[in-house]
C-alpha atoms as a PDB file:
ATOM      1  CA  MET A   1     -42.465  49.829  94.185  1.00  0.00           C
ATOM      2  CA  THR A   2     -42.346  46.766  96.471  1.00  0.00           C
ATOM      3  CA  THR A   3     -39.275  44.631  96.391  1.00  0.00           C
ATOM      4  CA  LYS A   4     -39.693  41.075  96.257  1.00  0.00           C
ATOM      5  CA  ILE A   5     -38.094  38.042  98.255  1.00  0.00           C
ATOM      6  CA  THR A   6     -37.487  34.814  96.927  1.00  0.00           C
ATOM      7  CA  ILE A   7     -36.210  31.956  99.276  1.00  0.00           C
ATOM      8  CA  ARG A   8     -35.249  28.804  98.206  1.00  0.00           C
ATOM      9  CA  THR A   9     -33.052  25.886  98.945  1.00  0.00           C
ATOM     10  CA  ALA A  10     -29.799  26.477  98.205  1.00  0.00           C
ATOM     11  CA  GLU A  11     -27.893  23.385  96.378  1.00  0.00           C
ATOM     12  CA  GLY A  12     -25.441  21.282  97.007  1.00  0.00           C
ATOM     13  CA  THR A  13     -22.976  21.922 100.191  1.00  0.00           C
ATOM     14  CA  TRP A  14     -22.041  25.645 101.730  1.00  0.00           C
ATOM     15  CA  THR A  15     -19.277  26.194 104.243  1.00  0.00           C
ATOM     16  CA  VAL A  16     -18.517  29.082 106.320  1.00  0.00           C
ATOM     17  CA  ARG A  17     -15.333  29.959 107.318  1.00  0.00           C
ATOM     18  CA  ALA A  18     -13.711  32.511 109.735  1.00  0.00           C
ATOM     19  CA  GLY A  19     -10.103  32.661 110.847  1.00  0.00           C
ATOM     20  CA  GLY A  20      -8.744  29.503 109.332  1.00  0.00           C
ATOM     21  CA  ALA A  21     -11.791  27.691 111.137  1.00  0.00           C
ATOM     22  CA  VAL A  22     -14.546  26.002 109.369  1.00  0.00           C
ATOM     23  CA  LEU A  23     -17.823  27.721 111.609  1.00  0.00           C
ATOM     24  CA  GLY A  24     -20.558  25.193 109.967  1.00  0.00           C
ATOM     25  CA  GLU A  25     -21.079  23.397 106.769  1.00  0.00           C
ATOM     26  CA  SER A  26     -24.400  22.447 105.451  1.00  0.00           C
ATOM     27  CA  GLN A  27     -26.491  20.897 102.915  1.00  0.00           C
ATOM     28  CA  HIS A  28     -29.753  22.234 104.054  1.00  0.00           C
ATOM     29  CA  ALA A  29     -28.941  26.119 103.594  1.00  0.00           C
ATOM     30  CA  LEU A  30     -30.938  28.606 102.238  1.00  0.00           C
ATOM     31  CA  GLU A  31     -30.699  31.091  99.445  1.00  0.00           C
ATOM     32  CA  LEU A  32     -32.652  34.647 100.105  1.00  0.00           C
ATOM     33  CA  THR A  33     -32.622  36.873  97.269  1.00  0.00           C
ATOM     34  CA  GLU A  34     -33.921  40.274  97.849  1.00  0.00           C
ATOM     35  CA  GLY A  35     -34.644  42.626  94.498  1.00  0.00           C
ATOM     36  CA  ASP A  36     -31.610  42.612  92.665  1.00  0.00           C
ATOM     37  CA  LYS A  37     -29.552  42.362  95.465  1.00  0.00           C
ATOM     38  CA  ALA A  38     -26.734  39.692  95.031  1.00  0.00           C
ATOM     39  CA  PRO A  39     -28.360  36.240  97.163  1.00  0.00           C
ATOM     40  CA  VAL A  40     -27.430  35.929 100.799  1.00  0.00           C
ATOM     41  CA  ILE A  41     -26.937  32.267 102.008  1.00  0.00           C
ATOM     42  CA  TYR A  42     -28.790  31.472 105.348  1.00  0.00           C
ATOM     43  CA  PHE A  43     -27.416  28.481 107.149  1.00  0.00           C
ATOM     44  CA  PRO A  44     -29.586  26.370 109.990  1.00  0.00           C
ATOM     45  CA  ARG A  45     -28.290  27.256 113.479  1.00  0.00           C
ATOM     46  CA  GLU A  46     -27.685  23.600 114.288  1.00  0.00           C
ATOM     47  CA  ASP A  47     -25.109  23.800 111.244  1.00  0.00           C
ATOM     48  CA  ILE A  48     -23.118  26.324 112.976  1.00  0.00           C
ATOM     49  CA  ALA A  49     -20.546  26.404 115.626  1.00  0.00           C
ATOM     50  CA  MET A  50     -22.336  28.079 117.855  1.00  0.00           C
ATOM     51  CA  ALA A  51     -19.457  28.551 120.269  1.00  0.00           C
ATOM     52  CA  PHE A  52     -17.752  30.607 117.819  1.00  0.00           C
ATOM     53  CA  LEU A  53     -20.647  33.265 118.027  1.00  0.00           C
ATOM     54  CA  ASP A  54     -21.380  35.919 120.746  1.00  0.00           C
ATOM     55  CA  THR A  55     -24.559  38.286 120.585  1.00  0.00           C
ATOM     56  CA  THR A  56     -23.790  41.743 120.028  1.00  0.00           C
ATOM     57  CA  GLU A  57     -26.215  44.735 121.038  1.00  0.00           C
ATOM     58  CA  HIS A  58     -26.668  45.825 117.461  1.00  0.00           C
ATOM     59  CA  SER A  59     -29.558  45.024 115.671  1.00  0.00           C
ATOM     60  CA  THR A  60     -31.233  46.248 112.291  1.00  0.00           C
ATOM     61  CA  GLN A  61     -35.011  46.594 111.070  1.00  0.00           C
ATOM     62  CA  CYS A  62     -36.080  45.280 107.858  1.00  0.00           C
ATOM     63  CA  PRO A  63     -39.740  45.894 106.657  1.00  0.00           C
ATOM     64  CA  LEU A  64     -39.573  42.655 104.879  1.00  0.00           C
ATOM     65  CA  LYS A  65     -37.826  40.357 106.986  1.00  0.00           C
ATOM     66  CA  GLY A  66     -38.035  41.468 110.378  1.00  0.00           C
ATOM     67  CA  GLU A  67     -35.562  42.414 113.067  1.00  0.00           C
ATOM     68  CA  ALA A  68     -32.034  41.059 112.744  1.00  0.00           C
ATOM     69  CA  ARG A  69     -30.121  40.281 115.887  1.00  0.00           C
ATOM     70  CA  TYR A  70     -25.854  40.288 115.358  1.00  0.00           C
ATOM     71  CA  TYR A  71     -23.085  38.160 116.201  1.00  0.00           C
ATOM     72  CA  SER A  72     -19.333  38.845 116.361  1.00  0.00           C
ATOM     73  CA  ILE A  73     -17.348  35.736 115.269  1.00  0.00           C
ATOM     74  CA  VAL A  74     -14.392  35.165 118.004  1.00  0.00           C
ATOM     75  CA  THR A  75     -11.590  33.382 115.963  1.00  0.00           C
ATOM     76  CA  LYS A  76      -7.905  32.451 117.690  1.00  0.00           C
ATOM     77  CA  SER A  77      -6.186  36.380 116.694  1.00  0.00           C
ATOM     78  CA  GLN A  78      -9.642  38.323 116.416  1.00  0.00           C
ATOM     79  CA  VAL A  79     -13.440  39.114 117.048  1.00  0.00           C
ATOM     80  CA  LEU A  80     -15.122  40.180 113.756  1.00  0.00           C
ATOM     81  CA  ASP A  81     -17.684  42.326 114.992  1.00  0.00           C
ATOM     82  CA  ASN A  82     -21.516  41.729 113.911  1.00  0.00           C
ATOM     83  CA  ALA A  83     -20.196  39.438 111.295  1.00  0.00           C
ATOM     84  CA  ALA A  84     -23.338  37.385 111.332  1.00  0.00           C
ATOM     85  CA  TRP A  85     -27.118  37.815 111.802  1.00  0.00           C
ATOM     86  CA  SER A  86     -30.487  35.964 112.111  1.00  0.00           C
ATOM     87  CA  TYR A  87     -34.043  36.667 112.399  1.00  0.00           C
ATOM     88  CA  GLU A  88     -35.387  35.306 115.559  1.00  0.00           C
ATOM     89  CA  SER A  89     -38.973  36.357 114.644  1.00  0.00           C
ATOM     90  CA  PRO A  90     -39.109  37.200 110.717  1.00  0.00           C
ATOM     91  CA  THR A  91     -42.050  38.272 108.955  1.00  0.00           C
ATOM     92  CA  THR A  92     -44.462  35.770 107.390  1.00  0.00           C
ATOM     93  CA  ALA A  93     -43.164  36.354 103.747  1.00  0.00           C
ATOM     94  CA  THR A  94     -39.725  35.284 104.925  1.00  0.00           C
ATOM     95  CA  ALA A  95     -40.657  32.331 108.000  1.00  0.00           C
ATOM     96  CA  ARG A  96     -38.301  29.828 106.194  1.00  0.00           C
ATOM     97  CA  ILE A  97     -35.220  31.788 107.345  1.00  0.00           C
ATOM     98  CA  LYS A  98     -35.883  31.502 111.266  1.00  0.00           C
ATOM     99  CA  ASP A  99     -33.247  29.590 113.251  1.00  0.00           C
ATOM    100  CA  HIS A 100     -30.992  30.503 110.262  1.00  0.00           C
ATOM    101  CA  LEU A 101     -27.607  32.460 110.276  1.00  0.00           C
ATOM    102  CA  ALA A 102     -25.874  34.587 107.143  1.00  0.00           C
ATOM    103  CA  PHE A 103     -22.560  35.807 107.400  1.00  0.00           C
ATOM    104  CA  ARG A 104     -21.218  38.897 105.780  1.00  0.00           C
ATOM    105  CA  ASN A 105     -18.784  37.969 103.481  1.00  0.00           C
ATOM    106  CA  SER A 106     -14.987  39.895 103.700  1.00  0.00           C
ATOM    107  CA  ASP A 107     -11.497  39.108 103.510  1.00  0.00           C
ATOM    108  CA  THR A 108     -11.890  37.615 106.641  1.00  0.00           C
ATOM    109  CA  VAL A 109     -15.390  35.477 106.249  1.00  0.00           C
ATOM    110  CA  THR A 110     -15.969  33.221 103.373  1.00  0.00           C
ATOM    111  CA  VAL A 111     -19.293  31.853 102.467  1.00  0.00           C
ATOM    112  CA  GLU A 112     -18.882  29.267  99.603  1.00  0.00           C
ATOM    113  CA  ARG A 113     -20.782  25.984  97.992  1.00  0.00           C
ATOM    114  CA  VAL A 114     -18.064  23.114  98.086  1.00  0.00           C
END
């Protein structure tokens, strides 16, 4: 059975915070839903403070989306390894997420609609 991916405009304003700092805020975020998994918010790269992110060597391959490139978030007190990712060359079906970043929600990283 093929998993369905849906990408739509995420309504409202979305923020991502880490280490007490706002890394980004966007009214142009995308919501990607893959099968029955929880939706993932993708922020346009231009809405993220990229100075807080460092590229890592980690990558993953998804047959539906392509190869994901990962980033660590550098805060004042810690480095959050592989906490963000992007698809630099996504598949045709997920082309809308090109030049966007997603963040792993955790105790130290918060993605929320404000």
